[in-house]
Amino acid sequence: MYFMKGEKMESYRTPCNNEVEINKLPSLNNPHFINGDKGYQMTFKNGYCISVQFGPGNYCERQNAAYDAPAKALKNNENWRSETAEVAIFNPDGTFDGDVQGWLSTDEVAKLIDTVRQRARPEYPPI
């Protein structure tokens, strides 16, 4: 699922990427991780969310794997791994920020995570 810059994530909503939902769920106001069977999301104190995915359908080494391969690996106590990953960034208001970046190395993902973590939180009108 891919979005244009500034587009709201209507069909893939999680508390980490929607400012209004964050305000309704006090336990998610703090930075947090969300884990899936083929990636994870991180939300920082500044409200930005970064999604790192590495499985079927993502822009990564494992793009063409069977859709259920990550879940099967976990069920069999096997590791699901990829040498590259896809990254998407979401603004604190839930809008998509820029383009999905694909086939990133671990070092590139780490650098991008740190860049997003250091962004200033934008000013929004009170909700």
Protein backbone atom coordinates (compact mmCIF):
# COMPACT_ATOMS: atom_id res chain seq x y z
CA MET A 1 0.00 0.00 0.00
CA TYR A 2 1.60 3.26 -1.10
CA PHE A 3 0.59 6.88 -0.63
CA MET A 4 1.34 10.20 -2.24
CA LYS A 5 2.98 12.95 -0.17
CA GLY A 6 0.38 14.60 2.06
CA GLU A 7 -2.21 11.85 1.53
CA LYS A 8 -4.00 10.50 4.61
CA MET A 9 -3.68 6.83 5.45
CA GLU A 10 -7.37 5.94 5.40
CA SER A 11 -7.12 2.22 4.66
CA TYR A 12 -4.12 1.41 6.85
CA ARG A 13 -4.69 3.21 10.12
CA THR A 14 -2.80 2.46 13.28
CA PRO A 15 -2.64 4.65 16.37
CA CYS A 16 0.98 5.45 15.65
CA ASN A 17 0.18 7.37 12.49
CA ASN A 18 -2.87 9.39 13.42
CA GLU A 19 -2.57 12.35 15.79
CA VAL A 20 -6.26 12.29 16.75
CA GLU A 21 -6.15 8.60 17.64
CA ILE A 22 -2.95 9.10 19.63
CA ASN A 23 -4.71 11.73 21.73
CA LYS A 24 -7.57 9.31 22.44
CA LEU A 25 -5.19 6.56 23.60
CA PRO A 26 -2.98 7.90 26.40
CA SER A 27 -0.95 4.69 26.58
CA LEU A 28 0.23 5.35 23.01
CA ASN A 29 1.23 8.98 23.54
CA ASN A 30 4.77 7.92 24.35
CA PRO A 31 7.20 6.65 21.73
CA HIS A 32 6.50 3.04 20.87
CA PHE A 33 7.05 0.13 18.50
CA ILE A 34 4.49 -1.93 16.63
CA ASN A 35 5.63 -5.30 15.30
CA GLY A 36 4.25 -7.36 12.46
CA ASP A 37 5.39 -10.59 10.92
CA LYS A 38 7.41 -8.79 8.23
CA GLY A 39 8.37 -5.45 9.72
CA TYR A 40 7.72 -2.84 12.36
CA GLN A 41 6.70 0.75 12.99
CA MET A 42 8.24 3.22 15.42
CA THR A 43 6.68 6.44 16.66
CA PHE A 44 8.94 9.05 18.19
CA LYS A 45 8.35 11.81 20.75
CA ASN A 46 8.09 14.28 17.88
CA GLY A 47 5.02 12.38 16.59
CA TYR A 48 6.59 11.10 13.39
CA CYS A 49 6.15 7.43 12.56
CA ILE A 50 8.54 5.34 10.50
CA SER A 51 7.48 2.02 8.98
CA VAL A 52 10.15 -0.54 8.11
CA GLN A 53 8.87 -3.51 6.11
CA PHE A 54 10.74 -6.46 4.61
CA GLY A 55 8.45 -9.07 3.17
CA PRO A 56 6.25 -10.11 0.28
CA GLY A 57 5.10 -7.13 -1.76
CA ASN A 58 7.59 -4.72 -0.16
CA TYR A 59 10.47 -3.08 -2.00
CA CYS A 60 13.10 -5.45 -0.59
CA GLU A 61 15.04 -8.64 -1.21
CA ARG A 62 12.02 -10.77 -0.18
CA GLN A 63 9.54 -8.92 -2.41
CA ASN A 64 8.53 -12.01 -4.39
CA ALA A 65 8.23 -14.46 -1.48
CA ALA A 66 4.87 -16.14 -0.89
CA TYR A 67 2.47 -13.81 0.89
CA ASP A 68 2.14 -16.13 3.91
CA ALA A 69 5.88 -16.93 4.15
CA PRO A 70 6.63 -14.59 7.10
CA ALA A 71 3.75 -15.98 9.18
CA LYS A 72 4.74 -19.56 8.37
CA ALA A 73 8.35 -18.85 9.39
CA LEU A 74 7.22 -17.44 12.74
CA LYS A 75 4.84 -20.35 13.30
CA ASN A 76 7.76 -22.75 12.75
CA ASN A 77 10.01 -20.77 15.14
CA GLU A 78 12.16 -19.68 12.20
CA ASN A 79 13.54 -16.20 11.62
CA TRP A 80 12.16 -14.08 8.81
CA ARG A 81 14.98 -11.98 7.43
CA SER A 82 15.92 -9.81 4.50
CA GLU A 83 19.12 -7.96 3.68
CA THR A 84 17.12 -4.95 2.46
CA ALA A 85 13.95 -3.19 3.59
CA GLU A 86 11.33 -0.67 2.51
CA VAL A 87 10.77 2.47 4.61
CA ALA A 88 7.83 4.89 4.75
CA ILE A 89 7.53 7.98 6.94
CA PHE A 90 4.30 9.47 8.30
CA ASN A 91 3.79 12.94 9.71
CA PRO A 92 2.30 13.40 13.19
CA ASP A 93 -1.07 14.26 11.58
CA GLY A 94 -1.15 10.88 9.83
CA THR A 95 -0.28 12.10 6.34
CA PHE A 96 2.27 10.28 4.24
CA ASP A 97 5.60 12.11 4.06
CA GLY A 98 7.42 11.68 0.75
CA ASP A 99 8.04 8.54 -1.22
CA VAL A 100 8.48 4.97 -0.04
CA GLN A 101 12.18 4.19 -0.10
CA GLY A 102 13.04 0.66 -1.09
CA TRP A 103 15.92 -1.79 -1.03
CA LEU A 104 17.65 0.03 1.86
CA SER A 105 20.50 -1.61 3.77
CA THR A 106 20.52 -1.84 7.57
CA ASP A 107 22.88 1.15 7.75
CA GLU A 108 20.60 3.20 5.49
CA VAL A 109 17.54 2.31 7.59
CA ALA A 110 19.38 3.23 10.80
CA LYS A 111 20.44 6.60 9.36
CA LEU A 112 16.88 7.35 8.21
CA ILE A 113 15.46 6.39 11.62
CA ASP A 114 17.84 8.81 13.31
CA THR A 115 17.01 11.58 10.82
CA VAL A 116 13.26 11.19 11.47
CA ARG A 117 13.80 10.97 15.24
CA GLN A 118 15.59 14.34 15.20
CA ARG A 119 12.88 16.24 13.30
CA ALA A 120 11.12 19.03 15.16
CA ARG A 121 7.48 18.33 16.02
CA PRO A 122 5.29 20.53 13.79
CA GLU A 123 2.86 22.97 15.33
CA TYR A 124 -0.79 22.00 14.84
CA PRO A 125 -3.91 23.89 15.87
CA PRO A 126 -5.56 22.46 19.04
CA ILE A 127 -7.89 19.54 18.40
